[in-house]
Amino acid sequence: MRSVGNKKIIRAVTVSMSVDFFKPMVKDLQRQGYEVVSVSSAGPELTELQEMDVKTIEVEMERRMAPLKDLKSLWQLIRVFRRERPYMVHSMTPKAGLLCMLAGWLTRVPRRVHTFTGLVWPTSKGLSRKILMFTDWLTCTCATHVIPEGEGVKQDLQQHITKKPMRVLGYG
């Protein structure tokens, strides 16, 4: 946290969010005194965010399981969080969520928020289902706040993944 005049600036880092979802929140967060930093893989979205006075940092993340590349991404996120020292990190996608929540937990970021926009494991079978459930469990374990997109996702998470209190935003 740093001060500008009499206003405290709190750094919030978002990782790999859908820009369309994120854009409406940016101005509101900035009005509330947050300095917003967005971490994402390369793409035109980063330029869009820069035009909104959002600091952007590129960290490559594979969408599919790629253990060596995932470890490299995790290490890069740890380095970013150590350098930026955010008060809060927020993630939405499964891979970014897992890596962001792990990196946030390892670097002791005070607020670690993950939003679940759906679950993959309920329609999976066998080992794949177990791995996906484990990654969601690890994401929830490392998060301080879990936000499910709707009541169905909340119920699935509460029954199979975590007992943490959760609140659906708005009407889901």
N, C-alpha and C. Protein backbone atom coordinates (compact mmCIF):
# COMPACT_ATOMS: atom_id res chain seq x y z
N MET A 1 0.85 -1.16 0.00
CA MET A 1 0.00 0.00 0.00
C MET A 1 0.90 1.23 0.00
N ARG A 2 0.51 2.23 -0.78
CA ARG A 2 1.27 3.47 -0.77
C ARG A 2 0.29 4.63 -0.77
N SER A 3 0.76 5.81 -0.41
CA SER A 3 -0.12 6.97 -0.34
C SER A 3 0.21 7.94 -1.44
N VAL A 4 -0.83 8.55 -2.00
CA VAL A 4 -0.69 9.63 -2.96
C VAL A 4 -1.54 10.75 -2.39
N GLY A 5 -0.88 11.82 -1.90
CA GLY A 5 -1.61 12.86 -1.19
C GLY A 5 -2.20 12.25 0.07
N ASN A 6 -3.50 12.43 0.28
CA ASN A 6 -4.12 11.82 1.45
C ASN A 6 -4.88 10.55 1.09
N LYS A 7 -4.69 10.05 -0.14
CA LYS A 7 -5.40 8.86 -0.61
C LYS A 7 -4.48 7.65 -0.59
N LYS A 8 -4.93 6.58 0.03
CA LYS A 8 -4.14 5.35 0.05
C LYS A 8 -4.37 4.59 -1.24
N ILE A 9 -3.30 4.10 -1.84
CA ILE A 9 -3.39 3.31 -3.06
C ILE A 9 -3.14 1.85 -2.67
N ILE A 10 -4.08 1.00 -3.01
CA ILE A 10 -3.95 -0.43 -2.74
C ILE A 10 -3.80 -1.13 -4.08
N ARG A 11 -2.76 -1.92 -4.23
CA ARG A 11 -2.51 -2.60 -5.48
C ARG A 11 -3.30 -3.89 -5.56
N ALA A 12 -4.04 -4.04 -6.65
CA ALA A 12 -4.80 -5.26 -6.92
C ALA A 12 -4.28 -5.85 -8.22
N VAL A 13 -3.98 -7.12 -8.22
CA VAL A 13 -3.50 -7.80 -9.42
C VAL A 13 -4.56 -8.78 -9.88
N THR A 14 -4.90 -8.71 -11.15
CA THR A 14 -5.83 -9.67 -11.73
C THR A 14 -5.05 -10.54 -12.69
N VAL A 15 -5.37 -11.79 -12.73
CA VAL A 15 -4.62 -12.72 -13.57
C VAL A 15 -5.54 -13.35 -14.60
N SER A 16 -5.18 -13.16 -15.86
CA SER A 16 -5.80 -13.84 -16.98
C SER A 16 -7.33 -13.81 -16.95
N MET A 17 -7.87 -12.64 -16.85
CA MET A 17 -9.32 -12.49 -16.84
C MET A 17 -9.83 -12.17 -18.23
N SER A 18 -11.06 -12.48 -18.46
CA SER A 18 -11.72 -12.05 -19.68
C SER A 18 -11.80 -10.53 -19.62
N VAL A 19 -11.26 -9.87 -20.63
CA VAL A 19 -11.24 -8.41 -20.63
C VAL A 19 -12.65 -7.84 -20.64
N ASP A 20 -13.57 -8.48 -21.34
CA ASP A 20 -14.94 -7.99 -21.37
C ASP A 20 -15.56 -8.01 -19.98
N PHE A 21 -15.22 -8.99 -19.17
CA PHE A 21 -15.72 -9.06 -17.80
C PHE A 21 -15.01 -8.03 -16.93
N PHE A 22 -13.75 -7.82 -17.21
CA PHE A 22 -12.87 -7.03 -16.36
C PHE A 22 -13.03 -5.53 -16.57
N LYS A 23 -13.25 -5.10 -17.82
CA LYS A 23 -13.29 -3.66 -18.13
C LYS A 23 -14.25 -2.86 -17.27
N PRO A 24 -15.48 -3.32 -17.06
CA PRO A 24 -16.39 -2.52 -16.23
C PRO A 24 -15.90 -2.35 -14.79
N MET A 25 -15.12 -3.32 -14.30
CA MET A 25 -14.64 -3.23 -12.91
C MET A 25 -13.47 -2.28 -12.76
N VAL A 26 -12.71 -2.06 -13.84
CA VAL A 26 -11.47 -1.28 -13.74
C VAL A 26 -11.73 0.12 -13.19
N LYS A 27 -12.62 0.86 -13.81
CA LYS A 27 -12.87 2.24 -13.38
C LYS A 27 -13.38 2.29 -11.94
N ASP A 28 -14.24 1.33 -11.58
CA ASP A 28 -14.76 1.29 -10.22
C ASP A 28 -13.64 1.02 -9.22
N LEU A 29 -12.76 0.06 -9.53
CA LEU A 29 -11.62 -0.22 -8.66
C LEU A 29 -10.70 0.99 -8.54
N GLN A 30 -10.46 1.66 -9.67
CA GLN A 30 -9.59 2.84 -9.65
C GLN A 30 -10.21 3.96 -8.82
N ARG A 31 -11.53 4.16 -8.93
CA ARG A 31 -12.22 5.18 -8.13
C ARG A 31 -12.13 4.87 -6.63
N GLN A 32 -12.08 3.59 -6.30
CA GLN A 32 -12.00 3.19 -4.89
C GLN A 32 -10.57 3.24 -4.34
N GLY A 33 -9.62 3.65 -5.17
CA GLY A 33 -8.25 3.79 -4.71
C GLY A 33 -7.34 2.63 -5.01
N TYR A 34 -7.79 1.71 -5.85
CA TYR A 34 -6.95 0.57 -6.22
C TYR A 34 -6.11 0.93 -7.44
N GLU A 35 -4.86 0.56 -7.39
CA GLU A 35 -4.00 0.61 -8.56
C GLU A 35 -4.11 -0.77 -9.19
N VAL A 36 -4.67 -0.86 -10.37
CA VAL A 36 -4.95 -2.15 -10.99
C VAL A 36 -3.78 -2.57 -11.87
N VAL A 37 -3.34 -3.81 -11.68
CA VAL A 37 -2.29 -4.42 -12.49
C VAL A 37 -2.88 -5.70 -13.06
N SER A 38 -2.75 -5.89 -14.36
CA SER A 38 -3.28 -7.10 -14.99
C SER A 38 -2.14 -7.97 -15.50
N VAL A 39 -2.18 -9.24 -15.13
CA VAL A 39 -1.18 -10.21 -15.57
C VAL A 39 -1.87 -11.19 -16.50
N SER A 40 -1.31 -11.37 -17.69
CA SER A 40 -1.97 -12.22 -18.67
C SER A 40 -0.96 -12.68 -19.71
N SER A 41 -1.36 -13.70 -20.46
CA SER A 41 -0.57 -14.08 -21.63
C SER A 41 -0.68 -12.95 -22.66
N ALA A 42 0.21 -12.97 -23.63
CA ALA A 42 0.22 -11.93 -24.66
C ALA A 42 -1.10 -11.91 -25.42
N GLY A 43 -1.47 -10.74 -25.90
CA GLY A 43 -2.69 -10.62 -26.69
C GLY A 43 -3.12 -9.17 -26.79
N PRO A 44 -4.07 -8.90 -27.68
CA PRO A 44 -4.53 -7.52 -27.88
C PRO A 44 -5.24 -6.94 -26.65
N GLU A 45 -5.70 -7.82 -25.76
CA GLU A 45 -6.38 -7.37 -24.55
C GLU A 45 -5.47 -6.51 -23.68
N LEU A 46 -4.17 -6.84 -23.68
CA LEU A 46 -3.23 -6.08 -22.86
C LEU A 46 -3.16 -4.63 -23.33
N THR A 47 -3.19 -4.41 -24.64
CA THR A 47 -3.17 -3.04 -25.18
C THR A 47 -4.44 -2.30 -24.77
N GLU A 48 -5.59 -3.00 -24.84
CA GLU A 48 -6.86 -2.42 -24.42
C GLU A 48 -6.80 -1.94 -22.98
N LEU A 49 -6.24 -2.78 -22.12
CA LEU A 49 -6.15 -2.43 -20.70
C LEU A 49 -5.17 -1.28 -20.47
N GLN A 50 -4.08 -1.26 -21.22
CA GLN A 50 -3.11 -0.17 -21.08
C GLN A 50 -3.77 1.17 -21.40
N GLU A 51 -4.68 1.18 -22.37
CA GLU A 51 -5.39 2.40 -22.73
C GLU A 51 -6.32 2.87 -21.61
N MET A 52 -6.62 1.97 -20.66
CA MET A 52 -7.47 2.31 -19.51
C MET A 52 -6.62 2.60 -18.28
N ASP A 53 -5.33 2.90 -18.48
CA ASP A 53 -4.40 3.19 -17.38
C ASP A 53 -4.21 2.00 -16.44
N VAL A 54 -4.21 0.80 -17.00
CA VAL A 54 -3.94 -0.40 -16.22
C VAL A 54 -2.53 -0.86 -16.57
N LYS A 55 -1.72 -1.05 -15.55
CA LYS A 55 -0.39 -1.60 -15.77
C LYS A 55 -0.57 -3.06 -16.16
N THR A 56 0.11 -3.50 -17.20
CA THR A 56 0.00 -4.88 -17.64
C THR A 56 1.36 -5.57 -17.59
N ILE A 57 1.32 -6.84 -17.23
CA ILE A 57 2.53 -7.66 -17.16
C ILE A 57 2.24 -8.95 -17.88
N GLU A 58 3.11 -9.32 -18.79
CA GLU A 58 2.92 -10.54 -19.59
C GLU A 58 3.57 -11.74 -18.90
N VAL A 59 2.76 -12.76 -18.67
CA VAL A 59 3.24 -14.05 -18.17
C VAL A 59 2.57 -15.12 -19.01
N GLU A 60 3.36 -15.87 -19.74
CA GLU A 60 2.79 -16.91 -20.60
C GLU A 60 2.19 -18.04 -19.77
N MET A 61 0.98 -18.44 -20.14
CA MET A 61 0.30 -19.57 -19.49
C MET A 61 -0.34 -20.43 -20.56
N GLU A 62 -0.08 -21.72 -20.48
CA GLU A 62 -0.69 -22.68 -21.39
C GLU A 62 -2.11 -22.98 -20.92
N ARG A 63 -3.03 -23.15 -21.86
CA ARG A 63 -4.39 -23.51 -21.47
C ARG A 63 -4.47 -24.97 -21.03
N ARG A 64 -3.76 -25.83 -21.73
CA ARG A 64 -3.78 -27.28 -21.42
C ARG A 64 -2.77 -27.59 -20.32
N MET A 65 -2.87 -28.80 -19.78
CA MET A 65 -1.89 -29.24 -18.80
C MET A 65 -0.52 -29.36 -19.47
N ALA A 66 0.44 -28.68 -18.92
CA ALA A 66 1.81 -28.71 -19.41
C ALA A 66 2.72 -28.49 -18.20
N PRO A 67 2.99 -29.54 -17.43
CA PRO A 67 3.66 -29.39 -16.13
C PRO A 67 4.90 -28.52 -16.12
N LEU A 68 5.80 -28.67 -17.08
CA LEU A 68 7.03 -27.86 -17.06
C LEU A 68 6.72 -26.39 -17.34
N LYS A 69 5.87 -26.13 -18.33
CA LYS A 69 5.49 -24.75 -18.64
C LYS A 69 4.68 -24.14 -17.50
N ASP A 70 3.86 -24.96 -16.84
CA ASP A 70 3.07 -24.47 -15.70
C ASP A 70 3.98 -24.08 -14.54
N LEU A 71 5.02 -24.86 -14.28
CA LEU A 71 5.98 -24.50 -13.23
C LEU A 71 6.70 -23.19 -13.56
N LYS A 72 7.03 -23.02 -14.84
CA LYS A 72 7.67 -21.77 -15.27
C LYS A 72 6.71 -20.59 -15.07
N SER A 73 5.44 -20.77 -15.42
CA SER A 73 4.45 -19.71 -15.22
C SER A 73 4.27 -19.40 -13.74
N LEU A 74 4.23 -20.45 -12.91
CA LEU A 74 4.11 -20.26 -11.47
C LEU A 74 5.29 -19.45 -10.94
N TRP A 75 6.48 -19.80 -11.36
CA TRP A 75 7.68 -19.07 -10.92
C TRP A 75 7.61 -17.61 -11.34
N GLN A 76 7.15 -17.36 -12.58
CA GLN A 76 7.03 -15.98 -13.06
C GLN A 76 6.00 -15.20 -12.24
N LEU A 77 4.88 -15.85 -11.90
CA LEU A 77 3.86 -15.18 -11.08
C LEU A 77 4.41 -14.88 -9.68
N ILE A 78 5.15 -15.80 -9.12
CA ILE A 78 5.76 -15.57 -7.80
C ILE A 78 6.67 -14.34 -7.87
N ARG A 79 7.46 -14.25 -8.92
CA ARG A 79 8.36 -13.10 -9.08
C ARG A 79 7.57 -11.80 -9.24
N VAL A 80 6.49 -11.84 -10.02
CA VAL A 80 5.65 -10.65 -10.20
C VAL A 80 5.04 -10.24 -8.86
N PHE A 81 4.49 -11.18 -8.11
CA PHE A 81 3.84 -10.85 -6.84
C PHE A 81 4.86 -10.33 -5.82
N ARG A 82 6.05 -10.87 -5.82
CA ARG A 82 7.09 -10.36 -4.92
C ARG A 82 7.45 -8.92 -5.28
N ARG A 83 7.54 -8.64 -6.58
CA ARG A 83 7.91 -7.30 -7.03
C ARG A 83 6.77 -6.30 -6.83
N GLU A 84 5.55 -6.68 -7.17
CA GLU A 84 4.41 -5.77 -7.12
C GLU A 84 3.82 -5.63 -5.72
N ARG A 85 3.99 -6.64 -4.88
CA ARG A 85 3.47 -6.64 -3.52
C ARG A 85 1.98 -6.25 -3.46
N PRO A 86 1.13 -6.99 -4.14
CA PRO A 86 -0.30 -6.62 -4.15
C PRO A 86 -0.97 -6.91 -2.82
N TYR A 87 -2.02 -6.16 -2.56
CA TYR A 87 -2.89 -6.41 -1.41
C TYR A 87 -3.87 -7.52 -1.75
N MET A 88 -4.22 -7.60 -3.04
CA MET A 88 -5.22 -8.57 -3.47
C MET A 88 -4.87 -9.10 -4.86
N VAL A 89 -5.13 -10.38 -5.07
CA VAL A 89 -5.06 -10.96 -6.41
C VAL A 89 -6.41 -11.60 -6.71
N HIS A 90 -6.80 -11.56 -7.97
CA HIS A 90 -8.09 -12.12 -8.39
C HIS A 90 -7.88 -12.87 -9.70
N SER A 91 -8.47 -14.05 -9.78
CA SER A 91 -8.37 -14.86 -11.00
C SER A 91 -9.73 -15.44 -11.34
N MET A 92 -9.86 -15.87 -12.61
CA MET A 92 -11.13 -16.44 -13.04
C MET A 92 -11.01 -17.75 -13.79
N THR A 93 -10.03 -17.91 -14.63
CA THR A 93 -9.95 -19.11 -15.44
C THR A 93 -9.30 -20.23 -14.63
N PRO A 94 -9.58 -21.51 -14.96
CA PRO A 94 -9.05 -22.62 -14.15
C PRO A 94 -7.52 -22.63 -14.02
N LYS A 95 -6.80 -22.55 -15.12
CA LYS A 95 -5.34 -22.60 -15.05
C LYS A 95 -4.79 -21.38 -14.34
N ALA A 96 -5.24 -20.19 -14.74
CA ALA A 96 -4.76 -18.97 -14.10
C ALA A 96 -5.13 -18.97 -12.63
N GLY A 97 -6.31 -19.51 -12.31
CA GLY A 97 -6.74 -19.57 -10.92
C GLY A 97 -5.82 -20.42 -10.07
N LEU A 98 -5.51 -21.60 -10.57
CA LEU A 98 -4.61 -22.49 -9.83
C LEU A 98 -3.26 -21.84 -9.62
N LEU A 99 -2.66 -21.32 -10.69
CA LEU A 99 -1.33 -20.73 -10.60
C LEU A 99 -1.33 -19.45 -9.76
N CYS A 100 -2.35 -18.62 -9.94
CA CYS A 100 -2.45 -17.35 -9.21
C CYS A 100 -2.66 -17.59 -7.72
N MET A 101 -3.56 -18.49 -7.38
CA MET A 101 -3.82 -18.74 -5.97
C MET A 101 -2.61 -19.38 -5.29
N LEU A 102 -1.93 -20.29 -5.99
CA LEU A 102 -0.69 -20.88 -5.44
C LEU A 102 0.38 -19.81 -5.23
N ALA A 103 0.61 -19.00 -6.25
CA ALA A 103 1.63 -17.95 -6.16
C ALA A 103 1.26 -16.94 -5.07
N GLY A 104 -0.02 -16.60 -4.99
CA GLY A 104 -0.48 -15.66 -3.97
C GLY A 104 -0.29 -16.21 -2.57
N TRP A 105 -0.61 -17.49 -2.39
CA TRP A 105 -0.43 -18.14 -1.09
C TRP A 105 1.05 -18.21 -0.72
N LEU A 106 1.89 -18.60 -1.67
CA LEU A 106 3.33 -18.72 -1.42
C LEU A 106 3.98 -17.38 -1.09
N THR A 107 3.46 -16.31 -1.67
CA THR A 107 4.04 -14.98 -1.43
C THR A 107 3.26 -14.20 -0.37
N ARG A 108 2.32 -14.85 0.26
CA ARG A 108 1.53 -14.28 1.36
C ARG A 108 0.75 -13.02 0.97
N VAL A 109 0.14 -13.04 -0.21
CA VAL A 109 -0.76 -11.94 -0.59
C VAL A 109 -1.96 -12.01 0.37
N PRO A 110 -2.32 -10.90 1.02
CA PRO A 110 -3.38 -10.96 2.04
C PRO A 110 -4.76 -11.40 1.53
N ARG A 111 -5.19 -10.94 0.36
CA ARG A 111 -6.50 -11.30 -0.19
C ARG A 111 -6.29 -12.02 -1.51
N ARG A 112 -6.80 -13.26 -1.57
CA ARG A 112 -6.67 -14.08 -2.78
C ARG A 112 -8.08 -14.55 -3.17
N VAL A 113 -8.58 -14.00 -4.27
CA VAL A 113 -9.96 -14.24 -4.68
C VAL A 113 -9.98 -15.01 -5.99
N HIS A 114 -10.75 -16.10 -6.02
CA HIS A 114 -10.93 -16.83 -7.28
C HIS A 114 -12.43 -16.91 -7.57
N THR A 115 -12.79 -16.57 -8.81
CA THR A 115 -14.17 -16.67 -9.26
C THR A 115 -14.29 -17.88 -10.17
N PHE A 116 -15.18 -18.79 -9.81
CA PHE A 116 -15.46 -19.96 -10.64
C PHE A 116 -16.57 -19.59 -11.62
N THR A 117 -16.28 -19.69 -12.90
CA THR A 117 -17.29 -19.40 -13.92
C THR A 117 -17.85 -20.68 -14.52
N GLY A 118 -17.71 -21.75 -13.82
CA GLY A 118 -18.18 -23.06 -14.25
C GLY A 118 -17.21 -24.11 -13.75
N LEU A 119 -17.61 -25.36 -13.86
CA LEU A 119 -16.76 -26.47 -13.42
C LEU A 119 -16.66 -27.49 -14.54
N VAL A 120 -15.46 -28.04 -14.74
CA VAL A 120 -15.24 -29.02 -15.79
C VAL A 120 -15.41 -30.44 -15.26
N TRP A 121 -15.00 -30.68 -14.03
CA TRP A 121 -14.97 -32.05 -13.50
C TRP A 121 -16.33 -32.75 -13.40
N PRO A 122 -17.47 -32.05 -13.23
CA PRO A 122 -18.72 -32.80 -13.12
C PRO A 122 -19.07 -33.63 -14.37
N THR A 123 -18.54 -33.24 -15.52
CA THR A 123 -18.82 -34.00 -16.75
C THR A 123 -17.65 -34.88 -17.17
N SER A 124 -16.59 -34.93 -16.35
CA SER A 124 -15.42 -35.75 -16.65
C SER A 124 -15.53 -37.09 -15.94
N LYS A 125 -14.66 -38.04 -16.36
CA LYS A 125 -14.66 -39.37 -15.75
C LYS A 125 -13.24 -39.82 -15.44
N GLY A 126 -13.15 -40.77 -14.53
CA GLY A 126 -11.87 -41.43 -14.26
C GLY A 126 -10.82 -40.53 -13.66
N LEU A 127 -9.56 -40.79 -14.06
CA LEU A 127 -8.41 -40.05 -13.54
C LEU A 127 -8.51 -38.56 -13.86
N SER A 128 -8.99 -38.24 -15.05
CA SER A 128 -9.14 -36.84 -15.45
C SER A 128 -10.02 -36.09 -14.45
N ARG A 129 -11.13 -36.71 -14.06
CA ARG A 129 -12.04 -36.09 -13.08
C ARG A 129 -11.33 -35.87 -11.75
N LYS A 130 -10.57 -36.86 -11.29
CA LYS A 130 -9.86 -36.75 -10.01
C LYS A 130 -8.82 -35.63 -10.04
N ILE A 131 -8.11 -35.52 -11.16
CA ILE A 131 -7.10 -34.46 -11.29
C ILE A 131 -7.77 -33.09 -11.29
N LEU A 132 -8.85 -32.95 -12.05
CA LEU A 132 -9.56 -31.67 -12.11
C LEU A 132 -10.15 -31.29 -10.75
N MET A 133 -10.69 -32.27 -10.03
CA MET A 133 -11.22 -31.99 -8.69
C MET A 133 -10.10 -31.59 -7.73
N PHE A 134 -8.94 -32.24 -7.85
CA PHE A 134 -7.80 -31.89 -7.01
C PHE A 134 -7.34 -30.46 -7.29
N THR A 135 -7.27 -30.08 -8.57
CA THR A 135 -6.81 -28.72 -8.89
C THR A 135 -7.81 -27.67 -8.37
N ASP A 136 -9.11 -27.97 -8.46
CA ASP A 136 -10.10 -27.03 -7.90
C ASP A 136 -9.98 -26.98 -6.37
N TRP A 137 -9.73 -28.13 -5.73
CA TRP A 137 -9.53 -28.16 -4.29
C TRP A 137 -8.32 -27.31 -3.90
N LEU A 138 -7.21 -27.47 -4.64
CA LEU A 138 -6.00 -26.71 -4.34
C LEU A 138 -6.23 -25.22 -4.55
N THR A 139 -6.94 -24.86 -5.61
CA THR A 139 -7.27 -23.46 -5.87
C THR A 139 -8.06 -22.89 -4.70
N CYS A 140 -9.08 -23.61 -4.25
CA CYS A 140 -9.91 -23.16 -3.12
C CYS A 140 -9.12 -23.09 -1.83
N THR A 141 -8.25 -24.06 -1.61
CA THR A 141 -7.44 -24.10 -0.39
C THR A 141 -6.53 -22.88 -0.30
N CYS A 142 -5.96 -22.48 -1.42
CA CYS A 142 -5.04 -21.34 -1.44
C CYS A 142 -5.76 -19.99 -1.47
N ALA A 143 -7.03 -19.99 -1.86
CA ALA A 143 -7.81 -18.74 -1.95
C ALA A 143 -8.34 -18.35 -0.57
N THR A 144 -8.42 -17.05 -0.33
CA THR A 144 -9.07 -16.58 0.89
C THR A 144 -10.56 -16.38 0.65
N HIS A 145 -10.95 -16.14 -0.60
CA HIS A 145 -12.35 -15.93 -0.98
C HIS A 145 -12.64 -16.70 -2.26
N VAL A 146 -13.74 -17.42 -2.27
CA VAL A 146 -14.17 -18.19 -3.44
C VAL A 146 -15.54 -17.65 -3.86
N ILE A 147 -15.64 -17.27 -5.13
CA ILE A 147 -16.89 -16.72 -5.65
C ILE A 147 -17.39 -17.62 -6.77
N PRO A 148 -18.49 -18.36 -6.54
CA PRO A 148 -19.08 -19.18 -7.60
C PRO A 148 -20.01 -18.32 -8.46
N GLU A 149 -20.09 -18.65 -9.75
CA GLU A 149 -20.92 -17.84 -10.65
C GLU A 149 -22.41 -18.02 -10.41
N GLY A 150 -22.81 -19.12 -9.83
CA GLY A 150 -24.22 -19.36 -9.59
C GLY A 150 -24.43 -20.39 -8.50
N GLU A 151 -25.68 -20.60 -8.15
CA GLU A 151 -26.01 -21.53 -7.06
C GLU A 151 -25.59 -22.97 -7.36
N GLY A 152 -25.71 -23.41 -8.63
CA GLY A 152 -25.33 -24.77 -8.99
C GLY A 152 -23.84 -25.02 -8.78
N VAL A 153 -23.02 -24.07 -9.22
CA VAL A 153 -21.57 -24.18 -9.03
C VAL A 153 -21.25 -24.14 -7.53
N LYS A 154 -21.93 -23.27 -6.81
CA LYS A 154 -21.72 -23.18 -5.36
C LYS A 154 -22.03 -24.52 -4.68
N GLN A 155 -23.15 -25.14 -5.04
CA GLN A 155 -23.52 -26.42 -4.44
C GLN A 155 -22.52 -27.51 -4.76
N ASP A 156 -22.08 -27.58 -6.03
CA ASP A 156 -21.07 -28.59 -6.40
C ASP A 156 -19.78 -28.39 -5.62
N LEU A 157 -19.34 -27.13 -5.49
CA LEU A 157 -18.11 -26.84 -4.74
C LEU A 157 -18.27 -27.22 -3.28
N GLN A 158 -19.41 -26.87 -2.68
CA GLN A 158 -19.64 -27.17 -1.26
C GLN A 158 -19.75 -28.68 -1.01
N GLN A 159 -20.34 -29.41 -1.93
CA GLN A 159 -20.52 -30.85 -1.74
C GLN A 159 -19.24 -31.65 -1.97
N HIS A 160 -18.38 -31.19 -2.89
CA HIS A 160 -17.25 -32.02 -3.31
C HIS A 160 -15.86 -31.42 -3.12
N ILE A 161 -15.75 -30.11 -2.97
CA ILE A 161 -14.42 -29.47 -3.03
C ILE A 161 -14.03 -28.74 -1.76
N THR A 162 -14.87 -27.85 -1.25
CA THR A 162 -14.48 -27.01 -0.12
C THR A 162 -15.67 -26.70 0.78
N LYS A 163 -15.38 -26.46 2.03
CA LYS A 163 -16.41 -26.06 3.00
C LYS A 163 -16.31 -24.56 3.30
N LYS A 164 -15.47 -23.85 2.56
CA LYS A 164 -15.34 -22.40 2.78
C LYS A 164 -16.67 -21.71 2.52
N PRO A 165 -16.94 -20.65 3.26
CA PRO A 165 -18.16 -19.90 2.97
C PRO A 165 -18.04 -19.23 1.61
N MET A 166 -19.13 -19.24 0.86
CA MET A 166 -19.13 -18.64 -0.48
C MET A 166 -20.39 -17.82 -0.66
N ARG A 167 -20.28 -16.82 -1.50
CA ARG A 167 -21.44 -15.99 -1.82
C ARG A 167 -21.48 -15.77 -3.32
N VAL A 168 -22.61 -16.03 -3.91
CA VAL A 168 -22.81 -15.78 -5.34
C VAL A 168 -23.04 -14.27 -5.51
N LEU A 169 -22.35 -13.67 -6.47
CA LEU A 169 -22.55 -12.25 -6.72
C LEU A 169 -23.86 -12.01 -7.46
N GLY A 170 -24.59 -11.02 -7.04
CA GLY A 170 -25.84 -10.66 -7.71
C GLY A 170 -26.81 -11.84 -7.75
N TYR A 171 -27.34 -12.09 -8.93
CA TYR A 171 -28.30 -13.17 -9.12
C TYR A 171 -27.67 -14.39 -9.79
N GLY A 172 -26.36 -14.40 -9.85
CA GLY A 172 -25.67 -15.54 -10.43
C GLY A 172 -25.54 -15.46 -11.92
